[in-house]
Amino acid sequence: MLTIRLFCAAGMSTSLLVSKMKEAAKNKGIEVDIEAFPESQMDKHLDNVDVALLGPQVGYTIAKARRVCEPKGIPVDIIPMVDYGMMNGAKVLDFALKLANK
């Protein structure tokens, strides 16, 4: 089971992307636990997380995100703008899998 957390401005805009990522994982036969939260709550939602992804709209917080995630051994990066904008769940899932080295 791969646990992925997406963090965006309010946790709302990524809900569609989460659904598309779950669908892509199901098609690949990968067990995932994917949820979205506001970036401001990142530190509360990192227990047992394998990968953290930031929505492009909060990409400016990447330095803060790294300070929170790296001590816990959680890779974190910004979702590519094109994949986010197109709501390309398969590409964002692949991005997360690469970050997790899975």
Protein backbone atom coordinates (compact mmCIF):
# COMPACT_ATOMS: atom_id res chain seq x y z
CA MET A 1 0.00 0.00 0.00
CA LEU A 2 1.38 3.37 -1.07
CA THR A 3 0.20 6.37 0.94
CA ILE A 4 0.18 9.65 -0.97
CA ARG A 5 -0.90 13.04 0.35
CA LEU A 6 -1.63 16.02 -1.87
CA PHE A 7 -1.51 19.51 -0.41
CA CYS A 8 -3.08 22.51 -2.10
CA ALA A 9 -4.54 25.89 -1.21
CA ALA A 10 -7.73 24.64 0.46
CA GLY A 11 -7.79 20.89 -0.14
CA MET A 12 -10.71 21.23 -2.54
CA SER A 13 -9.16 21.68 -5.99
CA THR A 14 -7.23 18.43 -5.77
CA SER A 15 -10.24 16.22 -4.95
CA LEU A 16 -10.88 15.54 -8.65
CA LEU A 17 -7.20 14.78 -9.18
CA VAL A 18 -7.27 12.37 -6.20
CA SER A 19 -10.19 10.51 -7.82
CA LYS A 20 -8.34 10.28 -11.13
CA MET A 21 -5.16 9.08 -9.39
CA LYS A 22 -7.12 6.37 -7.55
CA GLU A 23 -8.67 5.27 -10.85
CA ALA A 24 -5.23 5.12 -12.50
CA ALA A 25 -3.86 3.08 -9.57
CA LYS A 26 -6.78 0.65 -9.81
CA ASN A 27 -6.10 0.21 -13.55
CA LYS A 28 -2.43 -0.55 -12.74
CA GLY A 29 -3.32 -2.91 -9.90
CA ILE A 30 -1.58 -0.72 -7.31
CA GLU A 31 -3.00 -0.35 -3.79
CA VAL A 32 -3.01 3.29 -2.77
CA ASP A 33 -4.30 5.56 -0.05
CA ILE A 34 -4.56 9.06 -1.54
CA GLU A 35 -6.05 12.09 0.15
CA ALA A 36 -5.87 15.88 -0.27
CA PHE A 37 -5.52 18.48 2.46
CA PRO A 38 -4.83 22.21 2.73
CA GLU A 39 -1.10 22.95 2.63
CA SER A 40 -1.43 24.77 5.96
CA GLN A 41 -2.26 21.41 7.61
CA MET A 42 0.65 19.45 6.15
CA ASP A 43 2.35 18.75 9.48
CA LYS A 44 -0.87 17.09 10.78
CA HIS A 45 -1.25 14.68 7.85
CA LEU A 46 2.14 13.02 7.41
CA ASP A 47 1.86 9.92 9.61
CA ASN A 48 2.82 6.80 7.63
CA VAL A 49 2.97 8.79 4.37
CA ASP A 50 5.20 7.57 1.53
CA VAL A 51 4.99 10.66 -0.73
CA ALA A 52 3.79 14.25 -0.34
CA LEU A 53 2.84 16.32 -3.37
CA LEU A 54 2.17 20.04 -3.55
CA GLY A 55 -0.33 21.58 -5.93
CA PRO A 56 1.32 24.12 -8.26
CA GLN A 57 -0.63 26.95 -6.62
CA VAL A 58 1.26 26.34 -3.35
CA GLY A 59 4.58 25.46 -4.99
CA TYR A 60 6.11 28.53 -3.36
CA THR A 61 5.94 26.63 -0.03
CA ILE A 62 8.31 23.86 -1.21
CA ALA A 63 11.16 24.95 1.09
CA LYS A 64 8.86 24.81 4.12
CA ALA A 65 7.44 21.46 2.93
CA ARG A 66 10.94 20.01 2.64
CA ARG A 67 11.77 21.16 6.19
CA VAL A 68 8.67 19.31 7.44
CA CYS A 69 8.93 16.18 5.25
CA GLU A 70 12.64 15.44 4.92
CA PRO A 71 13.30 14.73 8.62
CA LYS A 72 10.53 12.12 8.38
CA GLY A 73 12.08 10.61 5.24
CA ILE A 74 9.10 11.64 3.08
CA PRO A 75 9.91 12.75 -0.48
CA VAL A 76 8.04 15.91 -1.47
CA ASP A 77 7.77 17.77 -4.76
CA ILE A 78 5.48 20.05 -6.76
CA ILE A 79 2.98 18.44 -9.12
CA PRO A 80 3.88 19.49 -12.69
CA MET A 81 1.57 22.35 -13.73
CA VAL A 82 0.50 20.72 -17.02
CA ASP A 83 -0.46 17.42 -15.37
CA TYR A 84 -2.32 19.26 -12.61
CA GLY A 85 -4.12 21.52 -15.06
CA MET A 86 -5.16 18.58 -17.24
CA MET A 87 -6.13 16.57 -14.13
CA ASN A 88 -3.96 13.75 -15.51
CA GLY A 89 -4.23 11.28 -12.65
CA ALA A 90 -2.09 8.65 -14.38
CA LYS A 91 0.85 11.04 -14.90
CA VAL A 92 0.64 12.43 -11.36
CA LEU A 93 0.48 8.88 -9.98
CA ASP A 94 3.59 7.98 -12.02
CA PHE A 95 5.27 11.13 -10.66
CA ALA A 96 4.47 10.02 -7.09
CA LEU A 97 5.67 6.49 -7.76
CA LYS A 98 9.00 7.80 -9.08
CA LEU A 99 9.41 9.96 -5.97
CA ALA A 100 8.71 6.93 -3.79
CA ASN A 101 11.10 4.80 -5.90
CA LYS A 102 8.35 2.20 -6.45
